[in-house]
Amino acid sequence: TVDLQMTSLKPEDTAVYYCAASRLPITPAPLVAGTKYDWWGQG
């Protein structure tokens, strides 16, 4: 499992949140682009 603990939530945090998995390492590039991920959840 991978968790996301969210605190001090704001109305602008309202969204559908998606989990994704990548075969790439997060260093040196931190994988901020969705195109770097291979699989996605439904949200």
PDB file of all heavy atoms in Angstrom:
ATOM      1  N   THR A   1       0.831  -1.201   0.000  1.00  0.00           N
ATOM      2  CA  THR A   1       0.000   0.000   0.000  1.00  0.00           C
ATOM      3  C   THR A   1       0.869   1.256   0.000  1.00  0.00           C
ATOM      4  O   THR A   1       2.005   1.237   0.472  1.00  0.00           O
ATOM      5  CB  THR A   1      -0.917   0.046   1.222  1.00  0.00           C
ATOM      6  OG1 THR A   1      -0.119  -0.019   2.416  1.00  0.00           O
ATOM      7  CG2 THR A   1      -1.909  -1.111   1.223  1.00  0.00           C
ATOM      8  N   VAL A   2       0.306   2.320  -0.519  1.00  0.00           N
ATOM      9  CA  VAL A   2       0.929   3.627  -0.432  1.00  0.00           C
ATOM     10  C   VAL A   2      -0.137   4.590   0.066  1.00  0.00           C
ATOM     11  O   VAL A   2      -1.260   4.593  -0.442  1.00  0.00           O
ATOM     12  CB  VAL A   2       1.536   4.073  -1.777  1.00  0.00           C
ATOM     13  CG1 VAL A   2       0.508   4.079  -2.881  1.00  0.00           C
ATOM     14  CG2 VAL A   2       2.191   5.433  -1.647  1.00  0.00           C
ATOM     15  N   ASP A   3       0.179   5.336   1.072  1.00  0.00           N
ATOM     16  CA  ASP A   3      -0.773   6.227   1.714  1.00  0.00           C
ATOM     17  C   ASP A   3      -0.410   7.693   1.479  1.00  0.00           C
ATOM     18  O   ASP A   3       0.754   8.031   1.250  1.00  0.00           O
ATOM     19  CB  ASP A   3      -0.811   5.972   3.219  1.00  0.00           C
ATOM     20  CG  ASP A   3      -1.440   4.636   3.555  1.00  0.00           C
ATOM     21  OD1 ASP A   3      -1.975   3.971   2.642  1.00  0.00           O
ATOM     22  OD2 ASP A   3      -1.381   4.247   4.738  1.00  0.00           O
ATOM     23  N   LEU A   4      -1.431   8.513   1.580  1.00  0.00           N
ATOM     24  CA  LEU A   4      -1.231   9.956   1.525  1.00  0.00           C
ATOM     25  C   LEU A   4      -1.966  10.554   2.713  1.00  0.00           C
ATOM     26  O   LEU A   4      -3.204  10.577   2.742  1.00  0.00           O
ATOM     27  CB  LEU A   4      -1.762  10.550   0.229  1.00  0.00           C
ATOM     28  CG  LEU A   4      -1.491  12.047   0.039  1.00  0.00           C
ATOM     29  CD1 LEU A   4      -0.002  12.294  -0.171  1.00  0.00           C
ATOM     30  CD2 LEU A   4      -2.298  12.598  -1.130  1.00  0.00           C
ATOM     31  N   GLN A   5      -1.217  10.974   3.704  1.00  0.00           N
ATOM     32  CA  GLN A   5      -1.790  11.624   4.872  1.00  0.00           C
ATOM     33  C   GLN A   5      -1.905  13.109   4.579  1.00  0.00           C
ATOM     34  O   GLN A   5      -0.909  13.772   4.304  1.00  0.00           O
ATOM     35  CB  GLN A   5      -0.914  11.400   6.102  1.00  0.00           C
ATOM     36  CG  GLN A   5      -1.419  12.095   7.351  1.00  0.00           C
ATOM     37  CD  GLN A   5      -2.727  11.510   7.851  1.00  0.00           C
ATOM     38  OE1 GLN A   5      -2.868  10.298   7.980  1.00  0.00           O
ATOM     39  NE2 GLN A   5      -3.708  12.368   8.149  1.00  0.00           N
ATOM     40  N   MET A   6      -3.121  13.616   4.640  1.00  0.00           N
ATOM     41  CA  MET A   6      -3.369  15.023   4.312  1.00  0.00           C
ATOM     42  C   MET A   6      -3.875  15.750   5.551  1.00  0.00           C
ATOM     43  O   MET A   6      -4.820  15.297   6.206  1.00  0.00           O
ATOM     44  CB  MET A   6      -4.399  15.123   3.180  1.00  0.00           C
ATOM     45  CG  MET A   6      -4.010  14.338   1.939  1.00  0.00           C
ATOM     46  SD  MET A   6      -5.136  14.608   0.552  1.00  0.00           S
ATOM     47  CE  MET A   6      -6.617  13.841   1.189  1.00  0.00           C
ATOM     48  N   THR A   7      -3.250  16.846   5.874  1.00  0.00           N
ATOM     49  CA  THR A   7      -3.636  17.654   7.023  1.00  0.00           C
ATOM     50  C   THR A   7      -3.878  19.099   6.593  1.00  0.00           C
ATOM     51  O   THR A   7      -3.506  19.487   5.482  1.00  0.00           O
ATOM     52  CB  THR A   7      -2.559  17.615   8.114  1.00  0.00           C
ATOM     53  OG1 THR A   7      -1.353  18.190   7.599  1.00  0.00           O
ATOM     54  CG2 THR A   7      -2.278  16.191   8.567  1.00  0.00           C
ATOM     55  N   SER A   8      -4.475  19.850   7.471  1.00  0.00           N
ATOM     56  CA  SER A   8      -4.760  21.268   7.198  1.00  0.00           C
ATOM     57  C   SER A   8      -5.405  21.453   5.834  1.00  0.00           C
ATOM     58  O   SER A   8      -5.000  22.306   5.032  1.00  0.00           O
ATOM     59  CB  SER A   8      -3.463  22.096   7.289  1.00  0.00           C
ATOM     60  OG  SER A   8      -2.874  21.947   8.564  1.00  0.00           O
ATOM     61  N   LEU A   9      -6.398  20.654   5.583  1.00  0.00           N
ATOM     62  CA  LEU A   9      -7.019  20.669   4.257  1.00  0.00           C
ATOM     63  C   LEU A   9      -7.741  21.981   3.981  1.00  0.00           C
ATOM     64  O   LEU A   9      -8.304  22.607   4.893  1.00  0.00           O
ATOM     65  CB  LEU A   9      -7.982  19.487   4.133  1.00  0.00           C
ATOM     66  CG  LEU A   9      -7.278  18.138   3.913  1.00  0.00           C
ATOM     67  CD1 LEU A   9      -8.217  16.982   4.218  1.00  0.00           C
ATOM     68  CD2 LEU A   9      -6.763  18.047   2.487  1.00  0.00           C
ATOM     69  N   LYS A  10      -7.700  22.363   2.717  1.00  0.00           N
ATOM     70  CA  LYS A  10      -8.313  23.602   2.251  1.00  0.00           C
ATOM     71  C   LYS A  10      -9.353  23.278   1.178  1.00  0.00           C
ATOM     72  O   LYS A  10      -9.245  22.247   0.508  1.00  0.00           O
ATOM     73  CB  LYS A  10      -7.242  24.508   1.657  1.00  0.00           C
ATOM     74  CG  LYS A  10      -6.059  24.769   2.554  1.00  0.00           C
ATOM     75  CD  LYS A  10      -4.969  25.531   1.817  1.00  0.00           C
ATOM     76  CE  LYS A  10      -3.740  25.729   2.679  1.00  0.00           C
ATOM     77  NZ  LYS A  10      -2.659  26.439   1.942  1.00  0.00           N
ATOM     78  N   PRO A  11     -10.322  24.146   0.984  1.00  0.00           N
ATOM     79  CA  PRO A  11     -11.293  23.899  -0.096  1.00  0.00           C
ATOM     80  C   PRO A  11     -10.631  23.683  -1.458  1.00  0.00           C
ATOM     81  O   PRO A  11     -11.140  22.900  -2.268  1.00  0.00           O
ATOM     82  CB  PRO A  11     -12.142  25.171  -0.077  1.00  0.00           C
ATOM     83  CG  PRO A  11     -12.093  25.627   1.343  1.00  0.00           C
ATOM     84  CD  PRO A  11     -10.696  25.313   1.801  1.00  0.00           C
ATOM     85  N   GLU A  12      -9.508  24.322  -1.693  1.00  0.00           N
ATOM     86  CA  GLU A  12      -8.826  24.149  -2.987  1.00  0.00           C
ATOM     87  C   GLU A  12      -8.150  22.788  -3.134  1.00  0.00           C
ATOM     88  O   GLU A  12      -7.635  22.469  -4.199  1.00  0.00           O
ATOM     89  CB  GLU A  12      -7.799  25.268  -3.218  1.00  0.00           C
ATOM     90  CG  GLU A  12      -6.856  25.509  -2.060  1.00  0.00           C
ATOM     91  CD  GLU A  12      -7.315  26.639  -1.154  1.00  0.00           C
ATOM     92  OE1 GLU A  12      -8.534  26.705  -0.823  1.00  0.00           O
ATOM     93  OE2 GLU A  12      -6.448  27.461  -0.761  1.00  0.00           O
ATOM     94  N   ASP A  13      -8.171  21.989  -2.076  1.00  0.00           N
ATOM     95  CA  ASP A  13      -7.675  20.611  -2.176  1.00  0.00           C
ATOM     96  C   ASP A  13      -8.740  19.674  -2.729  1.00  0.00           C
ATOM     97  O   ASP A  13      -8.461  18.496  -2.981  1.00  0.00           O
ATOM     98  CB  ASP A  13      -7.226  20.099  -0.809  1.00  0.00           C
ATOM     99  CG  ASP A  13      -6.005  20.841  -0.284  1.00  0.00           C
ATOM    100  OD1 ASP A  13      -5.082  21.109  -1.073  1.00  0.00           O
ATOM    101  OD2 ASP A  13      -5.979  21.139   0.936  1.00  0.00           O
ATOM    102  N   THR A  14      -9.938  20.181  -2.912  1.00  0.00           N
ATOM    103  CA  THR A  14     -11.020  19.364  -3.459  1.00  0.00           C
ATOM    104  C   THR A  14     -10.663  18.894  -4.859  1.00  0.00           C
ATOM    105  O   THR A  14     -10.335  19.693  -5.742  1.00  0.00           O
ATOM    106  CB  THR A  14     -12.322  20.178  -3.505  1.00  0.00           C
ATOM    107  OG1 THR A  14     -12.730  20.482  -2.167  1.00  0.00           O
ATOM    108  CG2 THR A  14     -13.425  19.398  -4.205  1.00  0.00           C
ATOM    109  N   ALA A  15     -10.703  17.567  -5.050  1.00  0.00           N
ATOM    110  CA  ALA A  15     -10.308  16.978  -6.327  1.00  0.00           C
ATOM    111  C   ALA A  15     -10.513  15.472  -6.261  1.00  0.00           C
ATOM    112  O   ALA A  15     -10.770  14.911  -5.185  1.00  0.00           O
ATOM    113  CB  ALA A  15      -8.841  17.279  -6.636  1.00  0.00           C
ATOM    114  N   VAL A  16     -10.374  14.842  -7.401  1.00  0.00           N
ATOM    115  CA  VAL A  16     -10.251  13.390  -7.438  1.00  0.00           C
ATOM    116  C   VAL A  16      -8.765  13.081  -7.317  1.00  0.00           C
ATOM    117  O   VAL A  16      -7.951  13.637  -8.055  1.00  0.00           O
ATOM    118  CB  VAL A  16     -10.824  12.797  -8.739  1.00  0.00           C
ATOM    119  CG1 VAL A  16     -10.617  11.284  -8.759  1.00  0.00           C
ATOM    120  CG2 VAL A  16     -12.312  13.130  -8.860  1.00  0.00           C
ATOM    121  N   TYR A  17      -8.442  12.219  -6.374  1.00  0.00           N
ATOM    122  CA  TYR A  17      -7.049  11.869  -6.125  1.00  0.00           C
ATOM    123  C   TYR A  17      -6.759  10.493  -6.723  1.00  0.00           C
ATOM    124  O   TYR A  17      -7.497   9.531  -6.488  1.00  0.00           O
ATOM    125  CB  TYR A  17      -6.762  11.869  -4.629  1.00  0.00           C
ATOM    126  CG  TYR A  17      -6.615  13.263  -4.082  1.00  0.00           C
ATOM    127  CD1 TYR A  17      -7.719  14.103  -3.960  1.00  0.00           C
ATOM    128  CD2 TYR A  17      -5.368  13.759  -3.692  1.00  0.00           C
ATOM    129  CE1 TYR A  17      -7.594  15.401  -3.476  1.00  0.00           C
ATOM    130  CE2 TYR A  17      -5.225  15.046  -3.203  1.00  0.00           C
ATOM    131  CZ  TYR A  17      -6.338  15.863  -3.102  1.00  0.00           C
ATOM    132  OH  TYR A  17      -6.198  17.146  -2.618  1.00  0.00           O
ATOM    133  N   TYR A  18      -5.655  10.434  -7.456  1.00  0.00           N
ATOM    134  CA  TYR A  18      -5.268   9.214  -8.152  1.00  0.00           C
ATOM    135  C   TYR A  18      -3.919   8.703  -7.656  1.00  0.00           C
ATOM    136  O   TYR A  18      -2.991   9.476  -7.440  1.00  0.00           O
ATOM    137  CB  TYR A  18      -5.157   9.466  -9.650  1.00  0.00           C
ATOM    138  CG  TYR A  18      -6.441   9.876 -10.320  1.00  0.00           C
ATOM    139  CD1 TYR A  18      -6.786  11.209 -10.457  1.00  0.00           C
ATOM    140  CD2 TYR A  18      -7.314   8.916 -10.828  1.00  0.00           C
ATOM    141  CE1 TYR A  18      -7.962  11.595 -11.077  1.00  0.00           C
ATOM    142  CE2 TYR A  18      -8.492   9.291 -11.456  1.00  0.00           C
ATOM    143  CZ  TYR A  18      -8.805  10.625 -11.571  1.00  0.00           C
ATOM    144  OH  TYR A  18      -9.981  10.996 -12.190  1.00  0.00           O
ATOM    145  N   CYS A  19      -3.842   7.410  -7.560  1.00  0.00           N
ATOM    146  CA  CYS A  19      -2.602   6.728  -7.243  1.00  0.00           C
ATOM    147  C   CYS A  19      -2.008   6.211  -8.553  1.00  0.00           C
ATOM    148  O   CYS A  19      -2.761   5.803  -9.447  1.00  0.00           O
ATOM    149  CB  CYS A  19      -2.913   5.566  -6.291  1.00  0.00           C
ATOM    150  SG  CYS A  19      -1.571   4.436  -5.969  1.00  0.00           S
ATOM    151  N   ALA A  20      -0.677   6.220  -8.653  1.00  0.00           N
ATOM    152  CA  ALA A  20      -0.043   5.752  -9.876  1.00  0.00           C
ATOM    153  C   ALA A  20       1.267   5.052  -9.551  1.00  0.00           C
ATOM    154  O   ALA A  20       1.909   5.355  -8.537  1.00  0.00           O
ATOM    155  CB  ALA A  20       0.213   6.930 -10.816  1.00  0.00           C
ATOM    156  N   ALA A  21       1.658   4.134 -10.418  1.00  0.00           N
ATOM    157  CA  ALA A  21       2.893   3.371 -10.244  1.00  0.00           C
ATOM    158  C   ALA A  21       3.787   3.552 -11.461  1.00  0.00           C
ATOM    159  O   ALA A  21       3.309   3.576 -12.600  1.00  0.00           O
ATOM    160  CB  ALA A  21       2.576   1.890 -10.053  1.00  0.00           C
ATOM    161  N   SER A  22       5.087   3.652 -11.196  1.00  0.00           N
ATOM    162  CA  SER A  22       6.064   3.852 -12.264  1.00  0.00           C
ATOM    163  C   SER A  22       7.213   2.886 -12.126  1.00  0.00           C
ATOM    164  O   SER A  22       7.660   2.581 -11.014  1.00  0.00           O
ATOM    165  CB  SER A  22       6.603   5.290 -12.218  1.00  0.00           C
ATOM    166  OG  SER A  22       7.645   5.463 -13.158  1.00  0.00           O
ATOM    167  N   ARG A  23       7.710   2.433 -13.255  1.00  0.00           N
ATOM    168  CA  ARG A  23       8.891   1.583 -13.255  1.00  0.00           C
ATOM    169  C   ARG A  23      10.183   2.398 -13.186  1.00  0.00           C
ATOM    170  O   ARG A  23      11.267   1.829 -13.079  1.00  0.00           O
ATOM    171  CB  ARG A  23       8.898   0.706 -14.518  1.00  0.00           C
ATOM    172  CG  ARG A  23       7.845  -0.392 -14.490  1.00  0.00           C
ATOM    173  CD  ARG A  23       7.707  -1.107 -15.807  1.00  0.00           C
ATOM    174  NE  ARG A  23       7.052  -0.276 -16.806  1.00  0.00           N
ATOM    175  CZ  ARG A  23       6.675  -0.721 -17.995  1.00  0.00           C
ATOM    176  NH1 ARG A  23       6.910  -1.965 -18.347  1.00  0.00           N
ATOM    177  NH2 ARG A  23       6.075   0.092 -18.858  1.00  0.00           N
ATOM    178  N   LEU A  24      10.065   3.712 -13.197  1.00  0.00           N
ATOM    179  CA  LEU A  24      11.224   4.586 -13.131  1.00  0.00           C
ATOM    180  C   LEU A  24      11.549   4.970 -11.691  1.00  0.00           C
ATOM    181  O   LEU A  24      10.642   5.043 -10.859  1.00  0.00           O
ATOM    182  CB  LEU A  24      10.963   5.858 -13.943  1.00  0.00           C
ATOM    183  CG  LEU A  24      10.701   5.679 -15.431  1.00  0.00           C
ATOM    184  CD1 LEU A  24      10.264   6.999 -16.041  1.00  0.00           C
ATOM    185  CD2 LEU A  24      11.928   5.126 -16.132  1.00  0.00           C
ATOM    186  N   PRO A  25      12.798   5.255 -11.384  1.00  0.00           N
ATOM    187  CA  PRO A  25      13.152   5.750 -10.044  1.00  0.00           C
ATOM    188  C   PRO A  25      12.783   7.225  -9.912  1.00  0.00           C
ATOM    189  O   PRO A  25      12.644   7.922 -10.923  1.00  0.00           O
ATOM    190  CB  PRO A  25      14.672   5.554  -9.997  1.00  0.00           C
ATOM    191  CG  PRO A  25      15.093   5.677 -11.425  1.00  0.00           C
ATOM    192  CD  PRO A  25      13.984   5.072 -12.240  1.00  0.00           C
ATOM    193  N   ILE A  26      12.614   7.723  -8.686  1.00  0.00           N
ATOM    194  CA  ILE A  26      12.251   9.131  -8.513  1.00  0.00           C
ATOM    195  C   ILE A  26      13.471  10.034  -8.438  1.00  0.00           C
ATOM    196  O   ILE A  26      13.332  11.246  -8.295  1.00  0.00           O
ATOM    197  CB  ILE A  26      11.332   9.362  -7.293  1.00  0.00           C
ATOM    198  CG1 ILE A  26      12.106   9.193  -5.979  1.00  0.00           C
ATOM    199  CG2 ILE A  26      10.123   8.469  -7.345  1.00  0.00           C
ATOM    200  CD1 ILE A  26      11.318   9.722  -4.784  1.00  0.00           C
ATOM    201  N   THR A  27      14.655   9.464  -8.468  1.00  0.00           N
ATOM    202  CA  THR A  27      15.867  10.262  -8.567  1.00  0.00           C
ATOM    203  C   THR A  27      16.625   9.857  -9.816  1.00  0.00           C
ATOM    204  O   THR A  27      16.642   8.679 -10.174  1.00  0.00           O
ATOM    205  CB  THR A  27      16.757  10.067  -7.339  1.00  0.00           C
ATOM    206  OG1 THR A  27      17.071   8.669  -7.212  1.00  0.00           O
ATOM    207  CG2 THR A  27      16.060  10.542  -6.081  1.00  0.00           C
ATOM    208  N   PRO A  28      17.302  10.787 -10.492  1.00  0.00           N
ATOM    209  CA  PRO A  28      17.385  12.207 -10.167  1.00  0.00           C
ATOM    210  C   PRO A  28      16.130  13.015 -10.525  1.00  0.00           C
ATOM    211  O   PRO A  28      15.911  14.092  -9.983  1.00  0.00           O
ATOM    212  CB  PRO A  28      18.563  12.694 -11.007  1.00  0.00           C
ATOM    213  CG  PRO A  28      18.569  11.786 -12.186  1.00  0.00           C
ATOM    214  CD  PRO A  28      18.111  10.455 -11.676  1.00  0.00           C
ATOM    215  N   ALA A  29      15.299  12.502 -11.424  1.00  0.00           N
ATOM    216  CA  ALA A  29      14.085  13.235 -11.796  1.00  0.00           C
ATOM    217  C   ALA A  29      12.938  12.753 -10.916  1.00  0.00           C
ATOM    218  O   ALA A  29      12.693  11.555 -10.831  1.00  0.00           O
ATOM    219  CB  ALA A  29      13.754  13.014 -13.260  1.00  0.00           C
ATOM    220  N   PRO A  30      12.220  13.653 -10.250  1.00  0.00           N
ATOM    221  CA  PRO A  30      11.229  13.259  -9.257  1.00  0.00           C
ATOM    222  C   PRO A  30       9.889  12.777  -9.794  1.00  0.00           C
ATOM    223  O   PRO A  30       8.947  12.639  -9.040  1.00  0.00           O
ATOM    224  CB  PRO A  30      11.056  14.524  -8.426  1.00  0.00           C
ATOM    225  CG  PRO A  30      11.372  15.633  -9.333  1.00  0.00           C
ATOM    226  CD  PRO A  30      12.428  15.118 -10.258  1.00  0.00           C
ATOM    227  N   LEU A  31       9.752  12.487 -11.046  1.00  0.00           N
ATOM    228  CA  LEU A  31       8.541  11.891 -11.621  1.00  0.00           C
ATOM    229  C   LEU A  31       7.286  12.728 -11.371  1.00  0.00           C
ATOM    230  O   LEU A  31       6.266  12.227 -10.882  1.00  0.00           O
ATOM    231  CB  LEU A  31       8.331  10.482 -11.068  1.00  0.00           C
ATOM    232  CG  LEU A  31       9.426   9.461 -11.354  1.00  0.00           C
ATOM    233  CD1 LEU A  31       9.045   8.100 -10.782  1.00  0.00           C
ATOM    234  CD2 LEU A  31       9.721   9.354 -12.833  1.00  0.00           C
ATOM    235  N   VAL A  32       7.344  13.996 -11.700  1.00  0.00           N
ATOM    236  CA  VAL A  32       6.182  14.860 -11.507  1.00  0.00           C
ATOM    237  C   VAL A  32       5.221  14.793 -12.688  1.00  0.00           C
ATOM    238  O   VAL A  32       4.070  15.233 -12.581  1.00  0.00           O
ATOM    239  CB  VAL A  32       6.596  16.321 -11.246  1.00  0.00           C
ATOM    240  CG1 VAL A  32       7.452  16.428  -9.993  1.00  0.00           C
ATOM    241  CG2 VAL A  32       7.337  16.887 -12.460  1.00  0.00           C
ATOM    242  N   ALA A  33       5.675  14.277 -13.791  1.00  0.00           N
ATOM    243  CA  ALA A  33       4.824  14.200 -14.979  1.00  0.00           C
ATOM    244  C   ALA A  33       4.042  12.895 -14.978  1.00  0.00           C
ATOM    245  O   ALA A  33       4.597  11.816 -14.772  1.00  0.00           O
ATOM    246  CB  ALA A  33       5.676  14.299 -16.238  1.00  0.00           C
ATOM    247  N   GLY A  34       2.767  13.001 -15.244  1.00  0.00           N
ATOM    248  CA  GLY A  34       1.939  11.808 -15.281  1.00  0.00           C
ATOM    249  C   GLY A  34       2.350  10.814 -16.346  1.00  0.00           C
ATOM    250  O   GLY A  34       2.126   9.613 -16.194  1.00  0.00           O
ATOM    251  N   THR A  35       2.988  11.292 -17.378  1.00  0.00           N
ATOM    252  CA  THR A  35       3.419  10.419 -18.468  1.00  0.00           C
ATOM    253  C   THR A  35       4.523   9.462 -18.044  1.00  0.00           C
ATOM    254  O   THR A  35       4.822   8.502 -18.757  1.00  0.00           O
ATOM    255  CB  THR A  35       3.906  11.260 -19.668  1.00  0.00           C
ATOM    256  OG1 THR A  35       4.898  12.189 -19.207  1.00  0.00           O
ATOM    257  CG2 THR A  35       2.756  12.023 -20.292  1.00  0.00           C
ATOM    258  N   LYS A  36       5.130   9.726 -16.893  1.00  0.00           N
ATOM    259  CA  LYS A  36       6.194   8.856 -16.388  1.00  0.00           C
ATOM    260  C   LYS A  36       5.641   7.630 -15.671  1.00  0.00           C
ATOM    261  O   LYS A  36       6.398   6.757 -15.266  1.00  0.00           O
ATOM    262  CB  LYS A  36       7.092   9.637 -15.425  1.00  0.00           C
ATOM    263  CG  LYS A  36       7.782  10.849 -16.060  1.00  0.00           C
ATOM    264  CD  LYS A  36       8.752  10.440 -17.140  1.00  0.00           C
ATOM    265  CE  LYS A  36       9.514  11.655 -17.669  1.00  0.00           C
ATOM    266  NZ  LYS A  36      10.456  11.286 -18.757  1.00  0.00           N
ATOM    267  N   TYR A  37       4.342   7.591 -15.482  1.00  0.00           N
ATOM    268  CA  TYR A  37       3.722   6.497 -14.740  1.00  0.00           C
ATOM    269  C   TYR A  37       3.058   5.502 -15.683  1.00  0.00           C
ATOM    270  O   TYR A  37       2.503   5.872 -16.712  1.00  0.00           O
ATOM    271  CB  TYR A  37       2.706   7.061 -13.737  1.00  0.00           C
ATOM    272  CG  TYR A  37       3.382   7.827 -12.627  1.00  0.00           C
ATOM    273  CD1 TYR A  37       3.799   9.136 -12.820  1.00  0.00           C
ATOM    274  CD2 TYR A  37       3.640   7.234 -11.393  1.00  0.00           C
ATOM    275  CE1 TYR A  37       4.452   9.845 -11.815  1.00  0.00           C
ATOM    276  CE2 TYR A  37       4.278   7.936 -10.382  1.00  0.00           C
ATOM    277  CZ  TYR A  37       4.685   9.237 -10.611  1.00  0.00           C
ATOM    278  OH  TYR A  37       5.336   9.929  -9.609  1.00  0.00           O
ATOM    279  N   ASP A  38       3.124   4.255 -15.273  1.00  0.00           N
ATOM    280  CA  ASP A  38       2.651   3.184 -16.136  1.00  0.00           C
ATOM    281  C   ASP A  38       1.244   2.696 -15.800  1.00  0.00           C
ATOM    282  O   ASP A  38       0.541   2.188 -16.673  1.00  0.00           O
ATOM    283  CB  ASP A  38       3.628   1.998 -16.047  1.00  0.00           C
ATOM    284  CG  ASP A  38       5.041   2.392 -16.445  1.00  0.00           C
ATOM    285  OD1 ASP A  38       5.265   2.591 -17.656  1.00  0.00           O
ATOM    286  OD2 ASP A  38       5.905   2.507 -15.551  1.00  0.00           O
ATOM    287  N   TRP A  39       0.872   2.784 -14.542  1.00  0.00           N
ATOM    288  CA  TRP A  39      -0.436   2.280 -14.140  1.00  0.00           C
ATOM    289  C   TRP A  39      -1.122   3.293 -13.225  1.00  0.00           C
ATOM    290  O   TRP A  39      -0.447   3.968 -12.429  1.00  0.00           O
ATOM    291  CB  TRP A  39      -0.289   0.940 -13.400  1.00  0.00           C
ATOM    292  CG  TRP A  39       0.330  -0.122 -14.238  1.00  0.00           C
ATOM    293  CD1 TRP A  39      -0.279  -0.879 -15.205  1.00  0.00           C
ATOM    294  CD2 TRP A  39       1.695  -0.558 -14.193  1.00  0.00           C
ATOM    295  NE1 TRP A  39       0.624  -1.750 -15.756  1.00  0.00           N
ATOM    296  CE2 TRP A  39       1.840  -1.587 -15.172  1.00  0.00           C
ATOM    297  CE3 TRP A  39       2.805  -0.197 -13.431  1.00  0.00           C
ATOM    298  CZ2 TRP A  39       3.049  -2.241 -15.393  1.00  0.00           C
ATOM    299  CZ3 TRP A  39       4.007  -0.838 -13.648  1.00  0.00           C
ATOM    300  CH2 TRP A  39       4.131  -1.856 -14.629  1.00  0.00           C
ATOM    301  N   TRP A  40      -2.437   3.326 -13.307  1.00  0.00           N
ATOM    302  CA  TRP A  40      -3.221   4.289 -12.555  1.00  0.00           C
ATOM    303  C   TRP A  40      -4.419   3.623 -11.893  1.00  0.00           C
ATOM    304  O   TRP A  40      -4.984   2.659 -12.434  1.00  0.00           O
ATOM    305  CB  TRP A  40      -3.744   5.391 -13.484  1.00  0.00           C
ATOM    306  CG  TRP A  40      -2.669   6.263 -14.041  1.00  0.00           C
ATOM    307  CD1 TRP A  40      -1.863   5.990 -15.103  1.00  0.00           C
ATOM    308  CD2 TRP A  40      -2.277   7.545 -13.552  1.00  0.00           C
ATOM    309  NE1 TRP A  40      -0.982   7.031 -15.303  1.00  0.00           N
ATOM    310  CE2 TRP A  40      -1.224   8.003 -14.363  1.00  0.00           C
ATOM    311  CE3 TRP A  40      -2.710   8.359 -12.503  1.00  0.00           C
ATOM    312  CZ2 TRP A  40      -0.594   9.235 -14.161  1.00  0.00           C
ATOM    313  CZ3 TRP A  40      -2.101   9.586 -12.315  1.00  0.00           C
ATOM    314  CH2 TRP A  40      -1.049  10.018 -13.134  1.00  0.00           C
ATOM    315  N   GLY A  41      -4.795   4.159 -10.761  1.00  0.00           N
ATOM    316  CA  GLY A  41      -6.030   3.728 -10.129  1.00  0.00           C
ATOM    317  C   GLY A  41      -7.208   4.499 -10.687  1.00  0.00           C
ATOM    318  O   GLY A  41      -7.050   5.369 -11.545  1.00  0.00           O
ATOM    319  N   GLN A  42      -8.379   4.191 -10.170  1.00  0.00           N
ATOM    320  CA  GLN A  42      -9.603   4.814 -10.681  1.00  0.00           C
ATOM    321  C   GLN A  42      -9.910   6.140 -10.004  1.00  0.00           C
ATOM    322  O   GLN A  42     -10.761   6.894 -10.472  1.00  0.00           O
ATOM    323  CB  GLN A  42     -10.783   3.854 -10.508  1.00  0.00           C
ATOM    324  CG  GLN A  42     -11.440   3.862  -9.133  1.00  0.00           C
ATOM    325  CD  GLN A  42     -10.571   3.239  -8.047  1.00  0.00           C
ATOM    326  OE1 GLN A  42      -9.578   2.578  -8.329  1.00  0.00           O
ATOM    327  NE2 GLN A  42     -10.946   3.455  -6.791  1.00  0.00           N
ATOM    328  N   GLY A  43      -9.247   6.418  -8.917  1.00  0.00           N
ATOM    329  CA  GLY A  43      -9.408   7.689  -8.232  1.00  0.00           C
ATOM    330  C   GLY A  43     -10.379   7.634  -7.072  1.00  0.00           C
ATOM    331  O   GLY A  43     -11.265   6.779  -7.017  1.00  0.00           O
TER     332      GLY A  43
END
